[in-house]
PDB file of N, CA and C in Angstrom:
ATOM      1  N   UNK A   1     170.090-122.066  83.658  1.00  0.00           N
ATOM      2  CA  UNK A   1     169.755-122.876  83.130  1.00  0.00           C
ATOM      3  C   UNK A   1     167.984-122.613  82.402  1.00  0.00           C
ATOM      4  N   UNK A   2     168.065-123.212  81.712  1.00  0.00           N
ATOM      5  CA  UNK A   2     166.843-122.072  80.659  1.00  0.00           C
ATOM      6  C   UNK A   2     165.595-122.083  80.554  1.00  0.00           C
ATOM      7  N   UNK A   3     164.845-121.823  80.609  1.00  0.00           N
ATOM      8  CA  UNK A   3     162.822-121.507  80.958  1.00  0.00           C
ATOM      9  C   UNK A   3     162.369-122.532  81.095  1.00  0.00           C
ATOM     10  N   UNK A   4     161.979-122.899  82.091  1.00  0.00           N
ATOM     11  CA  UNK A   4     161.210-124.410  82.155  1.00  0.00           C
ATOM     12  C   UNK A   4     159.898-124.678  81.495  1.00  0.00           C
ATOM     13  N   UNK A   5     159.148-123.557  81.066  1.00  0.00           N
ATOM     14  CA  UNK A   5     158.241-123.142  80.104  1.00  0.00           C
ATOM     15  C   UNK A   5     158.716-123.302  78.559  1.00  0.00           C
ATOM     16  N   UNK A   6     160.007-122.448  77.827  1.00  0.00           N
ATOM     17  CA  UNK A   6     160.632-122.389  76.694  1.00  0.00           C
ATOM     18  C   UNK A   6     159.722-123.843  76.056  1.00  0.00           C
ATOM     19  N   UNK A   7     159.941-124.066  74.787  1.00  0.00           N
ATOM     20  CA  UNK A   7     159.451-125.673  73.912  1.00  0.00           C
ATOM     21  C   UNK A   7     160.758-126.376  73.971  1.00  0.00           C
ATOM     22  N   UNK A   8     160.160-127.468  73.928  1.00  0.00           N
ATOM     23  CA  UNK A   8     161.686-128.844  74.259  1.00  0.00           C
ATOM     24  C   UNK A   8     161.756-129.250  72.487  1.00  0.00           C
ATOM     25  N   UNK A   9     163.101-128.535  72.069  1.00  0.00           N
ATOM     26  CA  UNK A   9     163.770-129.839  70.918  1.00  0.00           C
ATOM     27  C   UNK A   9     163.577-130.743  70.822  1.00  0.00           C
ATOM     28  N   UNK A  10     164.110-131.158  69.662  1.00  0.00           N
ATOM     29  CA  UNK A  10     164.310-132.319  69.625  1.00  0.00           C
ATOM     30  C   UNK A  10     165.725-133.289  70.373  1.00  0.00           C
ATOM     31  N   UNK A  11     166.508-132.518  69.783  1.00  0.00           N
ATOM     32  CA  UNK A  11     167.832-132.455  71.015  1.00  0.00           C
ATOM     33  C   UNK A  11     167.749-131.951  72.732  1.00  0.00           C
ATOM     34  N   UNK A  12     166.825-132.003  73.056  1.00  0.00           N
ATOM     35  CA  UNK A  12     166.331-131.729  74.171  1.00  0.00           C
ATOM     36  C   UNK A  12     166.016-133.169  74.785  1.00  0.00           C
ATOM     37  N   UNK A  13     165.035-133.768  73.770  1.00  0.00           N
ATOM     38  CA  UNK A  13     164.932-134.649  73.914  1.00  0.00           C
ATOM     39  C   UNK A  13     165.332-135.590  74.263  1.00  0.00           C
ATOM     40  N   UNK A  14     165.910-136.142  73.140  1.00  0.00           N
ATOM     41  CA  UNK A  14     167.549-136.985  72.855  1.00  0.00           C
ATOM     42  C   UNK A  14     168.557-136.598  73.943  1.00  0.00           C
ATOM     43  N   UNK A  15     168.326-135.790  74.363  1.00  0.00           N
ATOM     44  CA  UNK A  15     169.499-135.889  75.883  1.00  0.00           C
ATOM     45  C   UNK A  15     168.623-136.725  76.804  1.00  0.00           C
ATOM     46  N   UNK A  16     167.795-136.032  77.131  1.00  0.00           N
ATOM     47  CA  UNK A  16     166.365-137.360  77.996  1.00  0.00           C
ATOM     48  C   UNK A  16     166.620-138.236  78.168  1.00  0.00           C
ATOM     49  N   UNK A  17     166.272-138.870  76.608  1.00  0.00           N
ATOM     50  CA  UNK A  17     166.122-140.321  76.176  1.00  0.00           C
ATOM     51  C   UNK A  17     167.911-140.851  76.859  1.00  0.00           C
ATOM     52  N   UNK A  18     168.786-140.066  76.555  1.00  0.00           N
ATOM     53  CA  UNK A  18     170.233-141.227  76.042  1.00  0.00           C
ATOM     54  C   UNK A  18     170.494-141.192  77.943  1.00  0.00           C
ATOM     55  N   UNK A  19     169.947-140.017  78.676  1.00  0.00           N
ATOM     56  CA  UNK A  19     169.908-140.058  80.183  1.00  0.00           C
ATOM     57  C   UNK A  19     168.852-141.099  80.499  1.00  0.00           C
ATOM     58  N   UNK A  20     168.397-141.171  79.993  1.00  0.00           N
ATOM     59  CA  UNK A  20     166.622-142.456  80.316  1.00  0.00           C
ATOM     60  C   UNK A  20     167.506-144.184  79.937  1.00  0.00           C
ATOM     61  N   UNK A  21     168.336-144.281  78.693  1.00  0.00           N
ATOM     62  CA  UNK A  21     169.025-145.404  78.331  1.00  0.00           C
ATOM     63  C   UNK A  21     170.230-145.545  79.961  1.00  0.00           C
ATOM     64  N   UNK A  22     170.859-144.676  79.982  1.00  0.00           N
ATOM     65  CA  UNK A  22     172.268-144.491  81.113  1.00  0.00           C
ATOM     66  C   UNK A  22     172.107-145.183  82.437  1.00  0.00           C
ATOM     67  N   UNK A  23     170.261-144.559  82.802  1.00  0.00           N
ATOM     68  CA  UNK A  23     169.903-145.115  84.518  1.00  0.00           C
ATOM     69  C   UNK A  23     169.125-146.209  83.669  1.00  0.00           C
ATOM     70  N   UNK A  24     169.085-146.722  82.986  1.00  0.00           N
ATOM     71  CA  UNK A  24     168.859-148.209  82.942  1.00  0.00           C
ATOM     72  C   UNK A  24     169.846-149.095  83.116  1.00  0.00           C
ATOM     73  N   UNK A  25     170.377-149.022  82.414  1.00  0.00           N
ATOM     74  CA  UNK A  25     171.903-149.407  82.375  1.00  0.00           C
ATOM     75  C   UNK A  25     172.981-149.679  83.822  1.00  0.00           C
ATOM     76  N   UNK A  26     172.535-148.360  84.440  1.00  0.00           N
ATOM     77  CA  UNK A  26     172.848-148.515  86.278  1.00  0.00           C
ATOM     78  C   UNK A  26     171.937-148.926  86.667  1.00  0.00           C
ATOM     79  N   UNK A  27     170.829-149.540  86.641  1.00  0.00           N
ATOM     80  CA  UNK A  27     169.885-150.021  87.237  1.00  0.00           C
ATOM     81  C   UNK A  27     169.186-149.312  87.842  1.00  0.00           C
ATOM     82  N   UNK A  28     169.005-147.940  87.508  1.00  0.00           N
ATOM     83  CA  UNK A  28     168.246-147.447  88.438  1.00  0.00           C
ATOM     84  C   UNK A  28     166.348-147.281  87.808  1.00  0.00           C
ATOM     85  N   UNK A  29     166.571-147.454  86.559  1.00  0.00           N
ATOM     86  CA  UNK A  29     164.924-147.600  86.123  1.00  0.00           C
ATOM     87  C   UNK A  29     165.121-149.336  85.713  1.00  0.00           C
ATOM     88  N   UNK A  30     163.524-149.783  85.629  1.00  0.00           N
ATOM     89  CA  UNK A  30     163.584-150.913  85.602  1.00  0.00           C
ATOM     90  C   UNK A  30     162.894-150.399  83.578  1.00  0.00           C
ATOM     91  N   UNK A  31     162.729-152.078  82.616  1.00  0.00           N
ATOM     92  CA  UNK A  31     162.349-151.075  81.426  1.00  0.00           C
ATOM     93  C   UNK A  31     161.760-150.423  81.482  1.00  0.00           C
ATOM     94  N   UNK A  32     160.009-151.105  82.471  1.00  0.00           N
ATOM     95  CA  UNK A  32     158.669-150.808  81.917  1.00  0.00           C
ATOM     96  C   UNK A  32     159.174-149.265  82.448  1.00  0.00           C
ATOM     97  N   UNK A  33     160.276-149.004  83.621  1.00  0.00           N
ATOM     98  CA  UNK A  33     159.652-146.789  83.640  1.00  0.00           C
ATOM     99  C   UNK A  33     160.313-146.830  82.495  1.00  0.00           C
ATOM    100  N   UNK A  34     161.532-147.253  81.862  1.00  0.00           N
ATOM    101  CA  UNK A  34     162.459-146.251  80.791  1.00  0.00           C
ATOM    102  C   UNK A  34     161.247-146.641  79.583  1.00  0.00           C
ATOM    103  N   UNK A  35     160.424-147.014  79.283  1.00  0.00           N
ATOM    104  CA  UNK A  35     159.348-147.030  78.916  1.00  0.00           C
ATOM    105  C   UNK A  35     158.314-146.650  78.844  1.00  0.00           C
ATOM    106  N   UNK A  36     158.281-146.186  80.437  1.00  0.00           N
ATOM    107  CA  UNK A  36     156.499-145.114  80.501  1.00  0.00           C
ATOM    108  C   UNK A  36     157.112-143.572  80.145  1.00  0.00           C
ATOM    109  N   UNK A  37     158.244-143.693  80.623  1.00  0.00           N
ATOM    110  CA  UNK A  37     159.380-142.304  80.776  1.00  0.00           C
ATOM    111  C   UNK A  37     159.806-142.279  79.077  1.00  0.00           C
ATOM    112  N   UNK A  38     160.498-142.833  78.359  1.00  0.00           N
ATOM    113  CA  UNK A  38     160.724-142.496  77.148  1.00  0.00           C
ATOM    114  C   UNK A  38     159.517-142.469  76.210  1.00  0.00           C
ATOM    115  N   UNK A  39     158.415-142.676  76.250  1.00  0.00           N
ATOM    116  CA  UNK A  39     157.450-142.208  75.825  1.00  0.00           C
ATOM    117  C   UNK A  39     156.795-140.616  76.006  1.00  0.00           C
ATOM    118  N   UNK A  40     157.056-140.811  77.574  1.00  0.00           N
ATOM    119  CA  UNK A  40     156.679-138.856  77.878  1.00  0.00           C
ATOM    120  C   UNK A  40     157.308-138.537  77.811  1.00  0.00           C
ATOM    121  N   UNK A  41     158.687-138.976  76.934  1.00  0.00           N
ATOM    122  CA  UNK A  41     159.558-137.958  76.672  1.00  0.00           C
ATOM    123  C   UNK A  41     160.065-138.061  75.222  1.00  0.00           C
ATOM    124  N   UNK A  42     159.053-138.768  74.384  1.00  0.00           N
ATOM    125  CA  UNK A  42     159.018-138.337  72.935  1.00  0.00           C
ATOM    126  C   UNK A  42     157.896-137.325  72.754  1.00  0.00           C
ATOM    127  N   UNK A  43     156.872-137.072  73.652  1.00  0.00           N
ATOM    128  CA  UNK A  43     155.241-136.416  73.491  1.00  0.00           C
ATOM    129  C   UNK A  43     155.430-134.641  74.459  1.00  0.00           C
ATOM    130  N   UNK A  44     157.330-134.773  75.110  1.00  0.00           N
ATOM    131  CA  UNK A  44     157.449-133.435  75.708  1.00  0.00           C
ATOM    132  C   UNK A  44     156.729-132.565  75.189  1.00  0.00           C
ATOM    133  N   UNK A  45     157.097-131.855  75.377  1.00  0.00           N
ATOM    134  CA  UNK A  45     156.067-129.910  74.445  1.00  0.00           C
ATOM    135  C   UNK A  45     157.012-129.154  75.430  1.00  0.00           C
ATOM    136  N   UNK A  46     157.567-129.026  76.780  1.00  0.00           N
ATOM    137  CA  UNK A  46     158.351-127.820  77.593  1.00  0.00           C
ATOM    138  C   UNK A  46     159.639-128.673  77.861  1.00  0.00           C
ATOM    139  N   UNK A  47     160.464-127.749  78.269  1.00  0.00           N
ATOM    140  CA  UNK A  47     161.788-127.919  79.019  1.00  0.00           C
ATOM    141  C   UNK A  47     161.076-128.708  80.569  1.00  0.00           C
ATOM    142  N   UNK A  48     160.250-128.121  81.122  1.00  0.00           N
ATOM    143  CA  UNK A  48     159.625-128.960  82.577  1.00  0.00           C
ATOM    144  C   UNK A  48     159.001-129.853  82.694  1.00  0.00           C
ATOM    145  N   UNK A  49     158.878-130.252  81.135  1.00  0.00           N
ATOM    146  CA  UNK A  49     158.192-131.836  81.084  1.00  0.00           C
ATOM    147  C   UNK A  49     158.462-132.911  81.278  1.00  0.00           C
ATOM    148  N   UNK A  50     160.346-132.576  80.239  1.00  0.00           N
ATOM    149  CA  UNK A  50     161.285-133.181  80.215  1.00  0.00           C
ATOM    150  C   UNK A  50     161.859-133.216  81.824  1.00  0.00           C
ATOM    151  N   UNK A  51     162.256-132.348  82.401  1.00  0.00           N
ATOM    152  CA  UNK A  51     162.955-132.360  83.909  1.00  0.00           C
ATOM    153  C   UNK A  51     162.421-133.231  84.586  1.00  0.00           C
ATOM    154  N   UNK A  52     160.984-133.492  84.505  1.00  0.00           N
ATOM    155  CA  UNK A  52     160.336-134.321  85.440  1.00  0.00           C
ATOM    156  C   UNK A  52     160.404-135.429  84.906  1.00  0.00           C
ATOM    157  N   UNK A  53     160.905-135.719  84.452  1.00  0.00           N
ATOM    158  CA  UNK A  53     161.477-137.547  83.811  1.00  0.00           C
ATOM    159  C   UNK A  53     162.832-137.734  84.517  1.00  0.00           C
ATOM    160  N   UNK A  54     163.472-136.701  84.826  1.00  0.00           N
ATOM    161  CA  UNK A  54     164.152-137.242  85.410  1.00  0.00           C
ATOM    162  C   UNK A  54     164.728-136.948  87.243  1.00  0.00           C
ATOM    163  N   UNK A  55     164.242-135.983  87.260  1.00  0.00           N
ATOM    164  CA  UNK A  55     164.314-135.459  88.829  1.00  0.00           C
ATOM    165  C   UNK A  55     164.120-136.001  89.705  1.00  0.00           C
ATOM    166  N   UNK A  56     163.919-137.468  89.834  1.00  0.00           N
ATOM    167  CA  UNK A  56     164.262-138.309  90.749  1.00  0.00           C
ATOM    168  C   UNK A  56     165.650-139.830  90.722  1.00  0.00           C
ATOM    169  N   UNK A  57     166.266-138.936  89.636  1.00  0.00           N
ATOM    170  CA  UNK A  57     167.894-139.445  89.671  1.00  0.00           C
ATOM    171  C   UNK A  57     168.597-138.792  89.557  1.00  0.00           C
ATOM    172  N   UNK A  58     169.624-139.592  90.100  1.00  0.00           N
ATOM    173  CA  UNK A  58     170.933-138.633  90.037  1.00  0.00           C
ATOM    174  C   UNK A  58     171.313-138.246  89.045  1.00  0.00           C
ATOM    175  N   UNK A  59     172.324-136.630  89.322  1.00  0.00           N
ATOM    176  CA  UNK A  59     172.748-136.346  87.830  1.00  0.00           C
ATOM    177  C   UNK A  59     174.205-137.158  87.594  1.00  0.00           C
ATOM    178  N   UNK A  60     173.663-137.775  85.841  1.00  0.00           N
ATOM    179  CA  UNK A  60     174.842-138.258  85.811  1.00  0.00           C
ATOM    180  C   UNK A  60     176.740-137.744  84.768  1.00  0.00           C
ATOM    181  N   UNK A  61     177.956-138.480  85.336  1.00  0.00           N
ATOM    182  CA  UNK A  61     178.863-137.258  84.980  1.00  0.00           C
ATOM    183  C   UNK A  61     178.594-137.260  83.501  1.00  0.00           C
ATOM    184  N   UNK A  62     179.047-135.842  83.047  1.00  0.00           N
ATOM    185  CA  UNK A  62     179.660-135.865  82.068  1.00  0.00           C
ATOM    186  C   UNK A  62     180.404-136.964  80.643  1.00  0.00           C
ATOM    187  N   UNK A  63     179.574-136.577  79.393  1.00  0.00           N
ATOM    188  CA  UNK A  63     180.989-137.654  78.909  1.00  0.00           C
ATOM    189  C   UNK A  63     181.753-137.502  78.408  1.00  0.00           C
ATOM    190  N   UNK A  64     182.951-137.926  78.749  1.00  0.00           N
ATOM    191  CA  UNK A  64     184.771-137.739  78.512  1.00  0.00           C
ATOM    192  C   UNK A  64     184.477-137.712  76.925  1.00  0.00           C
ATOM    193  N   UNK A  65     185.379-136.171  76.752  1.00  0.00           N
ATOM    194  CA  UNK A  65     185.429-135.777  74.990  1.00  0.00           C
ATOM    195  C   UNK A  65     186.364-137.137  74.198  1.00  0.00           C
ATOM    196  N   UNK A  66     186.091-137.425  73.507  1.00  0.00           N
ATOM    197  CA  UNK A  66     186.722-138.499  72.757  1.00  0.00           C
ATOM    198  C   UNK A  66     188.850-138.203  72.408  1.00  0.00           C
ATOM    199  N   UNK A  67     188.658-139.133  72.518  1.00  0.00           N
ATOM    200  CA  UNK A  67     190.401-138.728  72.668  1.00  0.00           C
ATOM    201  C   UNK A  67     190.840-138.515  70.984  1.00  0.00           C
ATOM    202  N   UNK A  68     192.244-137.220  71.330  1.00  0.00           N
ATOM    203  CA  UNK A  68     192.329-136.607  70.578  1.00  0.00           C
ATOM    204  C   UNK A  68     193.389-137.584  69.590  1.00  0.00           C
ATOM    205  N   UNK A  69     193.698-138.117  68.344  1.00  0.00           N
ATOM    206  CA  UNK A  69     194.154-138.405  67.801  1.00  0.00           C
ATOM    207  C   UNK A  69     195.860-137.703  67.041  1.00  0.00           C
ATOM    208  N   UNK A  70     196.995-138.251  68.017  1.00  0.00           N
ATOM    209  CA  UNK A  70     197.743-136.814  67.712  1.00  0.00           C
ATOM    210  C   UNK A  70     198.116-137.351  65.941  1.00  0.00           C
ATOM    211  N   UNK A  71     198.823-136.107  65.530  1.00  0.00           N
ATOM    212  CA  UNK A  71     198.638-135.923  63.754  1.00  0.00           C
ATOM    213  C   UNK A  71     199.825-136.598  63.706  1.00  0.00           C
ATOM    214  N   UNK A  72     199.708-137.534  63.004  1.00  0.00           N
ATOM    215  CA  UNK A  72     200.513-137.792  62.106  1.00  0.00           C
ATOM    216  C   UNK A  72     201.347-137.751  61.068  1.00  0.00           C
ATOM    217  N   UNK A  73     202.975-137.573  61.069  1.00  0.00           N
ATOM    218  CA  UNK A  73     204.041-136.545  60.159  1.00  0.00           C
ATOM    219  C   UNK A  73     203.730-137.222  59.453  1.00  0.00           C
ATOM    220  N   UNK A  74     203.771-138.924  59.449  1.00  0.00           N
ATOM    221  CA  UNK A  74     204.213-139.198  58.521  1.00  0.00           C
ATOM    222  C   UNK A  74     204.889-139.391  56.988  1.00  0.00           C
ATOM    223  N   UNK A  75     203.066-139.125  56.798  1.00  0.00           N
ATOM    224  CA  UNK A  75     201.953-138.872  55.097  1.00  0.00           C
ATOM    225  C   UNK A  75     203.159-137.655  54.963  1.00  0.00           C
ATOM    226  N   UNK A  76     203.204-137.252  55.169  1.00  0.00           N
ATOM    227  CA  UNK A  76     203.727-135.468  55.094  1.00  0.00           C
ATOM    228  C   UNK A  76     205.743-135.573  54.579  1.00  0.00           C
ATOM    229  N   UNK A  77     206.246-136.702  55.476  1.00  0.00           N
ATOM    230  CA  UNK A  77     207.070-136.478  55.975  1.00  0.00           C
ATOM    231  C   UNK A  77     207.533-137.417  53.908  1.00  0.00           C
ATOM    232  N   UNK A  78     206.871-138.425  54.176  1.00  0.00           N
ATOM    233  CA  UNK A  78     206.850-139.753  52.601  1.00  0.00           C
ATOM    234  C   UNK A  78     206.834-138.516  51.734  1.00  0.00           C
ATOM    235  N   UNK A  79     205.562-138.168  51.628  1.00  0.00           N
ATOM    236  CA  UNK A  79     205.583-136.824  50.395  1.00  0.00           C
ATOM    237  C   UNK A  79     206.662-135.777  50.334  1.00  0.00           C
ATOM    238  N   UNK A  80     207.386-135.185  50.904  1.00  0.00           N
ATOM    239  CA  UNK A  80     207.706-134.552  51.100  1.00  0.00           C
ATOM    240  C   UNK A  80     209.862-135.348  50.639  1.00  0.00           C
ATOM    241  N   UNK A  81     210.103-135.946  51.195  1.00  0.00           N
ATOM    242  CA  UNK A  81     210.755-137.005  50.488  1.00  0.00           C
ATOM    243  C   UNK A  81     210.532-137.589  49.170  1.00  0.00           C
ATOM    244  N   UNK A  82     209.620-137.277  48.680  1.00  0.00           N
ATOM    245  CA  UNK A  82     209.358-138.125  47.086  1.00  0.00           C
ATOM    246  C   UNK A  82     209.823-136.903  46.152  1.00  0.00           C
ATOM    247  N   UNK A  83     209.227-135.524  46.752  1.00  0.00           N
ATOM    248  CA  UNK A  83     209.108-134.587  45.789  1.00  0.00           C
ATOM    249  C   UNK A  83     210.702-134.354  46.044  1.00  0.00           C
ATOM    250  N   UNK A  84     211.111-134.338  46.484  1.00  0.00           N
ATOM    251  CA  UNK A  84     212.830-134.117  47.153  1.00  0.00           C
ATOM    252  C   UNK A  84     213.595-134.798  45.944  1.00  0.00           C
ATOM    253  N   UNK A  85     213.389-135.742  45.653  1.00  0.00           N
ATOM    254  CA  UNK A  85     213.682-137.033  45.369  1.00  0.00           C
ATOM    255  C   UNK A  85     213.719-136.676  43.709  1.00  0.00           C
ATOM    256  N   UNK A  86     212.020-136.700  43.262  1.00  0.00           N
ATOM    257  CA  UNK A  86     211.849-136.017  41.926  1.00  0.00           C
ATOM    258  C   UNK A  86     213.095-135.065  41.518  1.00  0.00           C
ATOM    259  N   UNK A  87     212.855-133.816  41.909  1.00  0.00           N
ATOM    260  CA  UNK A  87     213.138-132.501  41.734  1.00  0.00           C
ATOM    261  C   UNK A  87     214.906-133.003  41.953  1.00  0.00           C
ATOM    262  N   UNK A  88     215.475-133.657  42.786  1.00  0.00           N
ATOM    263  CA  UNK A  88     217.466-133.828  42.903  1.00  0.00           C
ATOM    264  C   UNK A  88     217.516-134.724  41.474  1.00  0.00           C
ATOM    265  N   UNK A  89     216.508-135.444  40.791  1.00  0.00           N
ATOM    266  CA  UNK A  89     216.441-137.015  39.888  1.00  0.00           C
ATOM    267  C   UNK A  89     216.445-135.665  38.947  1.00  0.00           C
ATOM    268  N   UNK A  90     215.476-134.915  38.603  1.00  0.00           N
ATOM    269  CA  UNK A  90     215.665-133.952  37.800  1.00  0.00           C
ATOM    270  C   UNK A  90     216.741-132.703  37.195  1.00  0.00           C
ATOM    271  N   UNK A  91     217.067-132.586  38.296  1.00  0.00           N
ATOM    272  CA  UNK A  91     218.456-131.845  38.520  1.00  0.00           C
ATOM    273  C   UNK A  91     219.845-133.005  37.657  1.00  0.00           C
ATOM    274  N   UNK A  92     220.080-133.814  38.704  1.00  0.00           N
ATOM    275  CA  UNK A  92     220.725-134.543  37.723  1.00  0.00           C
ATOM    276  C   UNK A  92     220.688-134.874  36.507  1.00  0.00           C
ATOM    277  N   UNK A  93     219.467-135.313  36.093  1.00  0.00           N
ATOM    278  CA  UNK A  93     219.312-135.694  34.576  1.00  0.00           C
ATOM    279  C   UNK A  93     219.408-134.029  34.005  1.00  0.00           C
ATOM    280  N   UNK A  94     219.649-133.025  34.195  1.00  0.00           N
ATOM    281  CA  UNK A  94     219.414-131.871  33.813  1.00  0.00           C
ATOM    282  C   UNK A  94     220.665-131.344  33.403  1.00  0.00           C
ATOM    283  N   UNK A  95     221.400-131.598  34.631  1.00  0.00           N
ATOM    284  CA  UNK A  95     223.319-131.961  33.729  1.00  0.00           C
ATOM    285  C   UNK A  95     224.292-132.277  33.996  1.00  0.00           C
ATOM    286  N   UNK A  96     223.416-133.758  33.388  1.00  0.00           N
ATOM    287  CA  UNK A  96     224.092-134.440  32.800  1.00  0.00           C
ATOM    288  C   UNK A  96     223.712-134.948  30.660  1.00  0.00           C
ATOM    289  N   UNK A  97     222.667-134.002  30.765  1.00  0.00           N
ATOM    290  CA  UNK A  97     222.168-134.257  29.530  1.00  0.00           C
ATOM    291  C   UNK A  97     223.024-132.597  29.046  1.00  0.00           C
ATOM    292  N   UNK A  98     222.922-131.573  29.741  1.00  0.00           N
ATOM    293  CA  UNK A  98     223.168-130.327  29.503  1.00  0.00           C
ATOM    294  C   UNK A  98     224.087-129.862  29.994  1.00  0.00           C
ATOM    295  N   UNK A  99     225.642-130.326  29.656  1.00  0.00           N
ATOM    296  CA  UNK A  99     226.824-130.288  30.262  1.00  0.00           C
ATOM    297  C   UNK A  99     227.593-128.743  30.316  1.00  0.00           C
TER     298      UNK A  99
END
């Protein structure tokens, strides 16, 4: 864990804001509490300042990674078929024109 006295970055503040939003959605914080804590998060200077805003809240589960879409080879197969067809047509045309 980083040093609590280190200065907080914008990403650190955004992470805390997202956590606070999720705690509101799960009913752990009221809108007034969220307003107070989010204002404090935006004004936080150090990581310690940010940590104090979520110290009384349970850890949130890691967000699952977005599902990976399987690679579709259909487009590649169509392109390969078109190239093969054009090449074959060109060979046939050359054979018919130059016996």
